[in-house]
């Protein structure tokens, strides 16, 4: 049985551990439903509000063979956890009337218009359709930690395809692209915003 087949097999008796503040009972219900209705193998969720942990749940299995229970401290790979919050920053600015999702990125970040990107819209960045799914020149990990260098390279770079015509996951560039628009509009990088 493949991992995909294992994941789709309903697991009606997955034991859920942890605690959930009654105010967030809908979170517990949705978590349990993932096991009962969607065949979740193993998972954990934690929610903190104003410094208080209001949800801390885990359950299921840490392996496809279901020999190792998912524990509170089960280690897992976590990918793309910042894309949602950085997108939220942009959408908050849009909701406040400070950012137009249909405006060219260059109207907020003038240097971005270089190399044929003058018509790239903010919504193209948010939807992985800008054609900037990766950097063209070698970029070390140390350089990736340099916000100004990375955003300058992205601004100067030609897109891999005509923006808006195709989608390609912007795994390492999304936070810089959307984040720099957030910074240009608000004066703050997404983490501070």
N, C-alpha and C. Protein backbone atom coordinates (compact mmCIF):
# COMPACT_ATOMS: atom_id res chain seq x y z
N UNK A 1 0.84 -1.17 0.00
CA UNK A 1 0.00 0.00 0.00
C UNK A 1 0.89 1.24 0.00
N UNK A 2 0.60 2.19 -0.87
CA UNK A 2 1.41 3.41 -0.97
C UNK A 2 1.08 4.34 0.19
N UNK A 3 1.94 5.34 0.38
CA UNK A 3 1.70 6.33 1.43
C UNK A 3 0.41 7.09 1.14
N UNK A 4 0.15 7.37 -0.16
CA UNK A 4 -1.08 8.07 -0.51
C UNK A 4 -2.29 7.23 -0.16
N UNK A 5 -2.25 5.93 -0.47
CA UNK A 5 -3.37 5.06 -0.15
C UNK A 5 -3.56 4.96 1.36
N UNK A 6 -2.45 4.89 2.09
CA UNK A 6 -2.52 4.85 3.55
C UNK A 6 -3.18 6.11 4.08
N UNK A 7 -2.82 7.25 3.52
CA UNK A 7 -3.36 8.53 3.97
C UNK A 7 -4.85 8.62 3.69
N UNK A 8 -5.34 8.01 2.63
CA UNK A 8 -6.74 8.10 2.29
C UNK A 8 -7.60 7.06 3.01
N UNK A 9 -6.98 6.07 3.62
CA UNK A 9 -7.73 5.06 4.35
C UNK A 9 -8.26 5.67 5.64
N UNK A 10 -9.56 5.68 5.86
CA UNK A 10 -10.09 6.27 7.09
C UNK A 10 -9.51 5.60 8.34
N UNK A 11 -9.26 6.40 9.33
CA UNK A 11 -8.70 5.92 10.59
C UNK A 11 -9.68 6.31 11.69
N UNK A 12 -10.77 5.57 11.84
CA UNK A 12 -11.85 6.00 12.73
C UNK A 12 -11.48 6.02 14.20
N UNK A 13 -10.47 5.26 14.63
CA UNK A 13 -10.19 5.17 16.05
C UNK A 13 -8.88 5.82 16.45
N UNK A 14 -8.46 6.86 15.72
CA UNK A 14 -7.22 7.56 16.08
C UNK A 14 -7.42 8.22 17.43
N UNK A 15 -6.50 7.95 18.32
CA UNK A 15 -6.58 8.54 19.66
C UNK A 15 -5.99 9.94 19.61
N UNK A 16 -6.76 10.90 20.09
CA UNK A 16 -6.33 12.29 20.12
C UNK A 16 -5.90 12.62 21.55
N UNK A 17 -4.74 13.25 21.66
CA UNK A 17 -4.19 13.63 22.96
C UNK A 17 -4.08 15.14 23.06
N UNK A 18 -3.88 15.61 24.27
CA UNK A 18 -3.65 17.03 24.49
C UNK A 18 -4.84 17.72 25.08
N UNK A 19 -4.84 19.04 24.93
CA UNK A 19 -5.95 19.81 25.48
C UNK A 19 -6.41 20.87 24.49
N UNK A 20 -7.65 21.29 24.68
CA UNK A 20 -8.25 22.31 23.83
C UNK A 20 -9.20 23.14 24.69
N UNK A 21 -8.93 24.41 24.79
CA UNK A 21 -9.80 25.32 25.51
C UNK A 21 -11.21 25.21 24.90
N UNK A 22 -12.24 25.15 25.73
CA UNK A 22 -13.60 25.01 25.21
C UNK A 22 -13.98 26.08 24.18
N UNK A 23 -13.38 27.26 24.27
CA UNK A 23 -13.67 28.32 23.29
C UNK A 23 -13.23 27.92 21.89
N UNK A 24 -12.36 26.93 21.79
CA UNK A 24 -11.80 26.51 20.50
C UNK A 24 -12.20 25.08 20.17
N UNK A 25 -13.35 24.67 20.65
CA UNK A 25 -13.80 23.30 20.42
C UNK A 25 -13.95 22.99 18.92
N UNK A 26 -14.22 23.99 18.11
CA UNK A 26 -14.33 23.77 16.66
C UNK A 26 -12.99 23.32 16.07
N UNK A 27 -11.90 23.76 16.66
CA UNK A 27 -10.57 23.32 16.20
C UNK A 27 -10.40 21.84 16.49
N UNK A 28 -10.77 21.43 17.71
CA UNK A 28 -10.68 20.00 18.05
C UNK A 28 -11.57 19.17 17.14
N UNK A 29 -12.78 19.64 16.88
CA UNK A 29 -13.70 18.91 16.00
C UNK A 29 -13.12 18.76 14.60
N UNK A 30 -12.55 19.82 14.07
CA UNK A 30 -11.94 19.76 12.72
C UNK A 30 -10.73 18.83 12.72
N UNK A 31 -9.95 18.87 13.78
CA UNK A 31 -8.78 18.00 13.90
C UNK A 31 -9.21 16.53 13.90
N UNK A 32 -10.20 16.21 14.72
CA UNK A 32 -10.71 14.84 14.78
C UNK A 32 -11.32 14.41 13.44
N UNK A 33 -12.00 15.33 12.78
CA UNK A 33 -12.62 15.03 11.50
C UNK A 33 -11.57 14.66 10.44
N UNK A 34 -10.40 15.28 10.51
CA UNK A 34 -9.33 14.92 9.57
C UNK A 34 -8.98 13.44 9.66
N UNK A 35 -9.02 12.88 10.83
CA UNK A 35 -8.75 11.44 11.00
C UNK A 35 -9.95 10.62 10.57
N UNK A 36 -11.10 11.02 11.04
CA UNK A 36 -12.32 10.24 10.82
C UNK A 36 -12.77 10.28 9.36
N UNK A 37 -12.74 11.44 8.72
CA UNK A 37 -13.31 11.60 7.38
C UNK A 37 -12.27 11.67 6.26
N UNK A 38 -11.04 12.05 6.56
CA UNK A 38 -10.06 12.28 5.51
C UNK A 38 -8.86 11.35 5.56
N UNK A 39 -8.90 10.39 6.47
CA UNK A 39 -7.84 9.40 6.54
C UNK A 39 -6.49 9.93 6.99
N UNK A 40 -6.50 10.98 7.81
CA UNK A 40 -5.24 11.52 8.31
C UNK A 40 -4.47 10.42 9.02
N UNK A 41 -3.16 10.34 8.77
CA UNK A 41 -2.32 9.32 9.40
C UNK A 41 -1.87 9.78 10.78
N UNK A 42 -1.30 10.96 10.86
CA UNK A 42 -0.83 11.51 12.12
C UNK A 42 -0.64 13.01 11.98
N UNK A 43 -0.87 13.73 13.07
CA UNK A 43 -0.79 15.19 12.98
C UNK A 43 -0.75 15.79 14.38
N UNK A 44 -0.42 17.07 14.38
CA UNK A 44 -0.44 17.86 15.61
C UNK A 44 -0.84 19.28 15.24
N UNK A 45 -1.44 19.97 16.19
CA UNK A 45 -1.78 21.38 16.00
C UNK A 45 -1.67 22.07 17.34
N UNK A 46 -1.13 23.28 17.31
CA UNK A 46 -1.04 24.10 18.53
C UNK A 46 -1.41 25.53 18.15
N UNK A 47 -2.18 26.17 19.02
CA UNK A 47 -2.60 27.55 18.80
C UNK A 47 -2.33 28.32 20.09
N UNK A 48 -1.68 29.46 19.93
CA UNK A 48 -1.39 30.33 21.06
C UNK A 48 -2.06 31.67 20.83
N UNK A 49 -2.79 32.15 21.81
CA UNK A 49 -3.45 33.45 21.73
C UNK A 49 -2.98 34.29 22.90
N UNK A 50 -2.41 35.44 22.61
CA UNK A 50 -1.93 36.37 23.64
C UNK A 50 -1.03 35.66 24.65
N UNK A 51 -0.15 34.80 24.15
CA UNK A 51 0.80 34.10 25.00
C UNK A 51 0.27 32.86 25.70
N UNK A 52 -1.01 32.57 25.56
CA UNK A 52 -1.61 31.40 26.21
C UNK A 52 -1.86 30.32 25.16
N UNK A 53 -1.39 29.10 25.43
CA UNK A 53 -1.67 27.98 24.53
C UNK A 53 -3.10 27.54 24.77
N UNK A 54 -3.94 27.73 23.75
CA UNK A 54 -5.36 27.41 23.87
C UNK A 54 -5.70 26.09 23.19
N UNK A 55 -4.83 25.63 22.29
CA UNK A 55 -5.00 24.34 21.64
C UNK A 55 -3.62 23.68 21.56
N UNK A 56 -3.55 22.43 21.99
CA UNK A 56 -2.33 21.63 21.87
C UNK A 56 -2.78 20.18 21.73
N UNK A 57 -2.97 19.76 20.46
CA UNK A 57 -3.50 18.43 20.17
C UNK A 57 -2.55 17.64 19.29
N UNK A 58 -2.54 16.32 19.47
CA UNK A 58 -1.78 15.44 18.61
C UNK A 58 -2.45 14.08 18.61
N UNK A 59 -2.18 13.32 17.55
CA UNK A 59 -2.78 12.00 17.49
C UNK A 59 -2.39 11.25 16.24
N UNK A 60 -2.77 9.98 16.20
CA UNK A 60 -2.49 9.15 15.04
C UNK A 60 -1.14 8.47 15.12
N UNK A 61 -0.53 8.31 13.93
CA UNK A 61 0.70 7.54 13.81
C UNK A 61 1.80 8.34 13.16
N UNK A 62 3.03 8.09 13.57
CA UNK A 62 4.19 8.79 13.03
C UNK A 62 4.82 8.04 11.86
N UNK A 63 4.27 6.88 11.51
CA UNK A 63 4.80 6.10 10.38
C UNK A 63 3.65 5.44 9.63
N UNK A 64 3.88 5.19 8.34
CA UNK A 64 2.84 4.62 7.48
C UNK A 64 2.40 3.23 7.95
N UNK A 65 3.31 2.47 8.58
CA UNK A 65 2.97 1.13 9.06
C UNK A 65 2.14 1.16 10.34
N UNK A 66 1.98 2.35 10.90
CA UNK A 66 1.20 2.54 12.14
C UNK A 66 1.76 1.73 13.31
N UNK A 67 3.07 1.79 13.42
CA UNK A 67 3.74 1.10 14.54
C UNK A 67 4.24 2.09 15.58
N UNK A 68 4.34 3.36 15.23
CA UNK A 68 4.87 4.38 16.12
C UNK A 68 3.81 5.47 16.34
N UNK A 69 3.25 5.57 17.54
CA UNK A 69 2.24 6.60 17.78
C UNK A 69 2.82 8.00 17.63
N UNK A 70 1.97 8.90 17.15
CA UNK A 70 2.35 10.31 17.07
C UNK A 70 2.37 10.84 18.50
N UNK A 71 3.49 11.39 18.92
CA UNK A 71 3.64 11.91 20.28
C UNK A 71 3.59 13.44 20.26
N UNK A 72 3.52 14.01 21.43
CA UNK A 72 3.50 15.47 21.54
C UNK A 72 4.74 16.09 20.90
N UNK A 73 5.88 15.39 20.98
CA UNK A 73 7.13 15.94 20.47
C UNK A 73 7.63 15.25 19.21
N UNK A 74 6.75 14.62 18.44
CA UNK A 74 7.14 13.98 17.18
C UNK A 74 7.71 15.05 16.25
N UNK A 75 8.89 14.77 15.72
CA UNK A 75 9.56 15.72 14.83
C UNK A 75 9.10 15.48 13.40
N UNK A 76 8.74 16.56 12.71
CA UNK A 76 8.30 16.48 11.32
C UNK A 76 8.94 17.62 10.52
N UNK A 77 9.03 17.42 9.21
CA UNK A 77 9.45 18.51 8.33
C UNK A 77 8.32 19.53 8.27
N UNK A 78 8.68 20.77 8.29
CA UNK A 78 7.70 21.84 8.16
C UNK A 78 8.15 22.71 6.99
N UNK A 79 7.28 22.88 6.02
CA UNK A 79 7.60 23.64 4.82
C UNK A 79 6.57 24.76 4.63
N UNK A 80 7.03 25.85 4.13
CA UNK A 80 6.16 26.95 3.65
C UNK A 80 5.23 27.51 4.72
N UNK A 81 5.65 27.49 5.94
CA UNK A 81 4.78 27.99 7.01
C UNK A 81 4.69 29.52 7.02
N UNK A 82 5.61 30.20 6.35
CA UNK A 82 5.57 31.66 6.36
C UNK A 82 4.78 32.24 5.19
N UNK A 83 4.45 31.44 4.19
CA UNK A 83 3.72 31.96 3.04
C UNK A 83 2.33 32.48 3.44
N UNK A 84 1.63 31.76 4.27
CA UNK A 84 0.32 32.21 4.72
C UNK A 84 0.37 33.52 5.47
N UNK A 85 1.24 33.64 6.48
CA UNK A 85 1.31 34.91 7.20
C UNK A 85 1.77 36.09 6.34
N UNK A 86 2.71 35.87 5.41
CA UNK A 86 3.14 37.00 4.57
C UNK A 86 2.01 37.40 3.62
N UNK A 87 1.26 36.42 3.12
CA UNK A 87 0.10 36.74 2.28
C UNK A 87 -0.95 37.49 3.11
N UNK A 88 -1.12 37.08 4.36
CA UNK A 88 -2.07 37.76 5.24
C UNK A 88 -1.68 39.22 5.42
N UNK A 89 -0.39 39.49 5.58
CA UNK A 89 0.08 40.88 5.70
C UNK A 89 -0.36 41.69 4.48
N UNK A 90 -0.15 41.12 3.29
CA UNK A 90 -0.54 41.82 2.06
C UNK A 90 -2.05 42.03 2.02
N UNK A 91 -2.81 41.02 2.42
CA UNK A 91 -4.26 41.16 2.38
C UNK A 91 -4.78 42.14 3.43
N UNK A 92 -4.12 42.24 4.56
CA UNK A 92 -4.49 43.25 5.56
C UNK A 92 -4.28 44.64 4.97
N UNK A 93 -3.14 44.84 4.29
CA UNK A 93 -2.88 46.13 3.66
C UNK A 93 -3.92 46.42 2.58
N UNK A 94 -4.31 45.39 1.83
CA UNK A 94 -5.35 45.58 0.81
C UNK A 94 -6.68 45.94 1.47
N UNK A 95 -7.01 45.25 2.56
CA UNK A 95 -8.25 45.53 3.28
C UNK A 95 -8.28 46.96 3.81
N UNK A 96 -7.12 47.46 4.19
CA UNK A 96 -7.01 48.84 4.70
C UNK A 96 -6.99 49.87 3.57
N UNK A 97 -7.01 49.41 2.33
CA UNK A 97 -7.00 50.32 1.19
C UNK A 97 -5.62 50.84 0.84
N UNK A 98 -4.58 50.22 1.39
CA UNK A 98 -3.20 50.68 1.16
C UNK A 98 -2.49 49.92 0.04
N UNK A 99 -3.05 48.79 -0.36
CA UNK A 99 -2.43 47.94 -1.38
C UNK A 99 -3.52 47.48 -2.35
N UNK A 100 -3.27 47.70 -3.64
CA UNK A 100 -4.20 47.26 -4.69
C UNK A 100 -3.63 45.99 -5.30
N UNK A 101 -4.32 44.89 -5.14
CA UNK A 101 -3.83 43.61 -5.64
C UNK A 101 -3.76 43.56 -7.16
N UNK A 102 -4.48 44.45 -7.84
CA UNK A 102 -4.47 44.52 -9.29
C UNK A 102 -3.50 45.57 -9.83
N UNK A 103 -2.74 46.20 -8.95
CA UNK A 103 -1.77 47.22 -9.38
C UNK A 103 -0.45 46.55 -9.74
N UNK A 104 0.31 47.18 -10.64
CA UNK A 104 1.65 46.66 -10.92
C UNK A 104 2.52 46.72 -9.66
N UNK A 105 3.31 45.69 -9.45
CA UNK A 105 4.23 45.65 -8.31
C UNK A 105 5.11 46.90 -8.32
N UNK A 106 5.53 47.32 -9.52
CA UNK A 106 6.43 48.47 -9.65
C UNK A 106 5.83 49.77 -9.13
N UNK A 107 4.52 49.84 -8.98
CA UNK A 107 3.93 51.06 -8.42
C UNK A 107 4.26 51.20 -6.94
N UNK A 108 4.65 50.10 -6.30
CA UNK A 108 5.07 50.12 -4.90
C UNK A 108 6.58 49.94 -4.77
N UNK A 109 7.16 49.22 -5.71
CA UNK A 109 8.57 48.83 -5.68
C UNK A 109 9.13 49.17 -7.06
N UNK A 110 9.50 50.44 -7.31
CA UNK A 110 9.88 50.89 -8.65
C UNK A 110 11.00 50.07 -9.32
N UNK A 111 11.98 49.64 -8.55
CA UNK A 111 13.10 48.87 -9.13
C UNK A 111 12.63 47.54 -9.73
N UNK A 112 11.48 47.07 -9.31
CA UNK A 112 10.95 45.79 -9.76
C UNK A 112 10.59 45.80 -11.25
N UNK A 113 10.38 46.97 -11.83
CA UNK A 113 9.97 47.07 -13.24
C UNK A 113 11.07 46.63 -14.21
N UNK A 114 12.28 46.42 -13.74
CA UNK A 114 13.41 46.04 -14.60
C UNK A 114 13.15 44.70 -15.29
N UNK A 115 13.81 44.50 -16.40
CA UNK A 115 13.85 43.22 -17.11
C UNK A 115 12.47 42.70 -17.54
N UNK A 116 11.61 43.62 -17.97
CA UNK A 116 10.31 43.21 -18.49
C UNK A 116 9.25 42.90 -17.47
N UNK A 117 9.41 43.38 -16.24
CA UNK A 117 8.43 43.06 -15.20
C UNK A 117 7.48 44.22 -14.89
N UNK A 118 7.45 45.23 -15.74
CA UNK A 118 6.62 46.40 -15.45
C UNK A 118 5.12 46.09 -15.37
N UNK A 119 4.68 45.01 -15.97
CA UNK A 119 3.24 44.66 -15.94
C UNK A 119 2.91 43.56 -14.92
N UNK A 120 3.89 43.11 -14.16
CA UNK A 120 3.61 42.10 -13.13
C UNK A 120 2.74 42.74 -12.05
N UNK A 121 1.62 42.09 -11.76
CA UNK A 121 0.68 42.60 -10.76
C UNK A 121 0.97 42.01 -9.39
N UNK A 122 0.53 42.70 -8.36
CA UNK A 122 0.69 42.19 -7.00
C UNK A 122 0.04 40.82 -6.89
N UNK A 123 -1.12 40.61 -7.51
CA UNK A 123 -1.80 39.32 -7.43
C UNK A 123 -0.97 38.21 -8.08
N UNK A 124 -0.12 38.54 -9.05
CA UNK A 124 0.76 37.52 -9.64
C UNK A 124 1.77 37.01 -8.61
N UNK A 125 2.24 37.92 -7.75
CA UNK A 125 3.16 37.49 -6.69
C UNK A 125 2.43 36.56 -5.72
N UNK A 126 1.24 36.96 -5.31
CA UNK A 126 0.47 36.20 -4.32
C UNK A 126 0.06 34.82 -4.83
N UNK A 127 -0.09 34.67 -6.14
CA UNK A 127 -0.59 33.41 -6.71
C UNK A 127 0.48 32.58 -7.41
N UNK A 128 1.76 32.88 -7.16
CA UNK A 128 2.86 32.11 -7.74
C UNK A 128 2.84 32.17 -9.27
N UNK A 129 2.44 33.30 -9.83
CA UNK A 129 2.32 33.44 -11.27
C UNK A 129 3.22 34.56 -11.81
N UNK A 130 4.18 35.02 -11.04
CA UNK A 130 5.03 36.14 -11.47
C UNK A 130 6.16 35.72 -12.39
N UNK A 131 6.44 34.42 -12.45
CA UNK A 131 7.57 33.96 -13.25
C UNK A 131 8.90 34.06 -12.52
N UNK A 132 8.86 34.34 -11.24
CA UNK A 132 10.08 34.51 -10.44
C UNK A 132 10.18 33.40 -9.39
N UNK A 133 10.07 32.19 -9.85
CA UNK A 133 10.04 31.04 -8.93
C UNK A 133 11.42 30.68 -8.39
N UNK A 134 12.45 31.27 -8.90
CA UNK A 134 13.80 31.02 -8.41
C UNK A 134 14.75 32.06 -8.96
N UNK A 135 15.89 32.18 -8.33
CA UNK A 135 16.91 33.12 -8.79
C UNK A 135 17.71 32.50 -9.93
N UNK A 136 18.10 33.31 -10.89
CA UNK A 136 18.86 32.82 -12.03
C UNK A 136 20.34 32.63 -11.72
N UNK A 137 20.88 33.51 -10.93
CA UNK A 137 22.31 33.40 -10.61
C UNK A 137 22.50 32.64 -9.30
N UNK A 138 23.65 32.01 -9.14
CA UNK A 138 23.89 31.29 -7.87
C UNK A 138 23.69 32.22 -6.68
N UNK A 139 23.07 31.69 -5.67
CA UNK A 139 22.72 32.46 -4.48
C UNK A 139 22.95 31.57 -3.28
N UNK A 140 23.94 31.85 -2.49
CA UNK A 140 24.29 31.00 -1.35
C UNK A 140 23.26 31.15 -0.22
N UNK A 141 23.31 30.23 0.72
CA UNK A 141 22.43 30.32 1.88
C UNK A 141 22.70 31.61 2.64
N UNK A 142 23.96 31.97 2.80
CA UNK A 142 24.30 33.22 3.48
C UNK A 142 23.68 34.41 2.75
N UNK A 143 23.73 34.39 1.43
CA UNK A 143 23.13 35.48 0.65
C UNK A 143 21.61 35.49 0.78
N UNK A 144 21.03 34.32 0.93
CA UNK A 144 19.58 34.23 1.09
C UNK A 144 19.12 34.91 2.38
N UNK A 145 19.98 34.97 3.37
CA UNK A 145 19.65 35.65 4.63
C UNK A 145 19.79 37.17 4.51
N UNK A 146 20.29 37.65 3.40
CA UNK A 146 20.47 39.08 3.17
C UNK A 146 19.26 39.61 2.40
N UNK A 147 18.32 40.20 3.12
CA UNK A 147 17.07 40.67 2.53
C UNK A 147 17.31 41.63 1.37
N UNK A 148 18.15 42.63 1.59
CA UNK A 148 18.37 43.65 0.56
C UNK A 148 18.99 43.05 -0.70
N UNK A 149 19.97 42.17 -0.54
CA UNK A 149 20.60 41.54 -1.69
C UNK A 149 19.60 40.67 -2.45
N UNK A 150 18.86 39.85 -1.74
CA UNK A 150 17.91 38.94 -2.39
C UNK A 150 16.82 39.71 -3.10
N UNK A 151 16.24 40.71 -2.46
CA UNK A 151 15.18 41.47 -3.13
C UNK A 151 15.73 42.28 -4.30
N UNK A 152 16.96 42.77 -4.21
CA UNK A 152 17.56 43.50 -5.33
C UNK A 152 17.77 42.57 -6.52
N UNK A 153 18.22 41.35 -6.27
CA UNK A 153 18.40 40.39 -7.36
C UNK A 153 17.07 40.01 -8.00
N UNK A 154 16.04 39.84 -7.19
CA UNK A 154 14.73 39.53 -7.75
C UNK A 154 14.19 40.70 -8.57
N UNK A 155 14.41 41.92 -8.09
CA UNK A 155 13.94 43.10 -8.82
C UNK A 155 14.64 43.23 -10.17
N UNK A 156 15.92 42.87 -10.24
CA UNK A 156 16.70 43.02 -11.47
C UNK A 156 16.50 41.87 -12.45
N UNK A 157 15.97 40.77 -12.00
CA UNK A 157 15.90 39.54 -12.78
C UNK A 157 14.74 39.52 -13.77
N UNK A 158 14.97 38.91 -14.92
CA UNK A 158 13.90 38.67 -15.89
C UNK A 158 13.10 37.45 -15.43
N UNK A 159 11.80 37.45 -15.66
CA UNK A 159 10.99 36.29 -15.27
C UNK A 159 11.33 35.06 -16.10
N UNK A 160 11.06 33.89 -15.54
CA UNK A 160 11.28 32.62 -16.24
C UNK A 160 10.24 32.41 -17.33
N UNK A 161 9.07 32.99 -17.18
CA UNK A 161 8.00 32.91 -18.18
C UNK A 161 7.22 34.21 -18.13
N UNK A 162 6.33 34.42 -19.10
CA UNK A 162 5.54 35.64 -19.13
C UNK A 162 4.62 35.65 -17.90
N UNK A 163 4.78 36.64 -17.04
CA UNK A 163 3.99 36.71 -15.82
C UNK A 163 2.48 36.65 -16.10
N UNK A 164 1.79 35.91 -15.26
CA UNK A 164 0.35 35.77 -15.36
C UNK A 164 -0.12 34.66 -16.28
N UNK A 165 0.81 34.07 -17.05
CA UNK A 165 0.39 33.04 -18.01
C UNK A 165 0.53 31.62 -17.48
N UNK A 166 1.36 31.44 -16.48
CA UNK A 166 1.58 30.10 -15.91
C UNK A 166 1.81 30.23 -14.42
N UNK A 167 1.72 29.09 -13.77
CA UNK A 167 1.96 29.03 -12.34
C UNK A 167 3.19 28.18 -12.08
N UNK A 168 3.98 28.57 -11.12
CA UNK A 168 5.14 27.79 -10.71
C UNK A 168 5.45 28.13 -9.26
N UNK A 169 5.54 27.14 -8.43
CA UNK A 169 5.69 27.34 -6.99
C UNK A 169 6.92 28.18 -6.67
N UNK A 170 6.72 29.29 -6.01
CA UNK A 170 7.79 30.22 -5.65
C UNK A 170 8.32 29.87 -4.25
N UNK A 171 8.90 28.70 -4.16
CA UNK A 171 9.29 28.12 -2.86
C UNK A 171 10.16 29.05 -2.03
N UNK A 172 11.24 29.55 -2.60
CA UNK A 172 12.17 30.38 -1.83
C UNK A 172 12.01 31.87 -2.10
N UNK A 173 11.28 32.24 -3.12
CA UNK A 173 11.19 33.65 -3.49
C UNK A 173 9.91 34.33 -3.00
N UNK A 174 8.89 33.57 -2.69
CA UNK A 174 7.58 34.12 -2.34
C UNK A 174 7.67 35.13 -1.19
N UNK A 175 8.31 34.75 -0.11
CA UNK A 175 8.40 35.63 1.05
C UNK A 175 9.12 36.93 0.75
N UNK A 176 10.14 36.85 -0.09
CA UNK A 176 10.87 38.06 -0.46
C UNK A 176 10.03 38.95 -1.37
N UNK A 177 9.36 38.35 -2.35
CA UNK A 177 8.58 39.12 -3.30
C UNK A 177 7.38 39.80 -2.62
N UNK A 178 6.53 39.03 -1.98
CA UNK A 178 5.36 39.60 -1.31
C UNK A 178 5.82 40.44 -0.11
N UNK A 179 6.83 39.94 0.60
CA UNK A 179 7.34 40.65 1.76
C UNK A 179 7.91 42.01 1.44
N UNK A 180 8.57 42.14 0.29
CA UNK A 180 9.13 43.44 -0.08
C UNK A 180 8.01 44.42 -0.44
N UNK A 181 6.94 43.93 -1.04
CA UNK A 181 5.80 44.81 -1.30
C UNK A 181 5.21 45.27 0.03
N UNK A 182 5.06 44.35 0.97
CA UNK A 182 4.57 44.71 2.31
C UNK A 182 5.48 45.77 2.94
N UNK A 183 6.79 45.57 2.81
CA UNK A 183 7.74 46.54 3.38
C UNK A 183 7.64 47.90 2.71
N UNK A 184 7.51 47.89 1.39
CA UNK A 184 7.42 49.16 0.66
C UNK A 184 6.15 49.92 1.02
N UNK A 185 5.07 49.22 1.28
CA UNK A 185 3.80 49.88 1.61
C UNK A 185 3.75 50.29 3.08
N UNK A 186 4.18 49.41 3.97
CA UNK A 186 4.01 49.63 5.41
C UNK A 186 5.25 50.17 6.11
N UNK A 187 6.41 50.01 5.48
CA UNK A 187 7.66 50.39 6.14
C UNK A 187 8.23 49.29 7.02
N UNK A 188 7.53 48.15 7.08
CA UNK A 188 7.94 47.05 7.95
C UNK A 188 8.05 45.76 7.15
N UNK A 189 9.03 44.94 7.48
CA UNK A 189 9.08 43.59 6.91
C UNK A 189 7.92 42.79 7.53
N UNK A 190 7.50 41.73 6.87
CA UNK A 190 6.32 40.98 7.35
C UNK A 190 6.39 40.56 8.81
N UNK A 191 7.54 40.11 9.30
CA UNK A 191 7.64 39.67 10.69
C UNK A 191 7.33 40.77 11.67
N UNK A 192 7.76 41.98 11.38
CA UNK A 192 7.48 43.13 12.26
C UNK A 192 6.06 43.63 12.05
N UNK A 193 5.57 43.54 10.81
CA UNK A 193 4.21 44.00 10.50
C UNK A 193 3.20 43.18 11.30
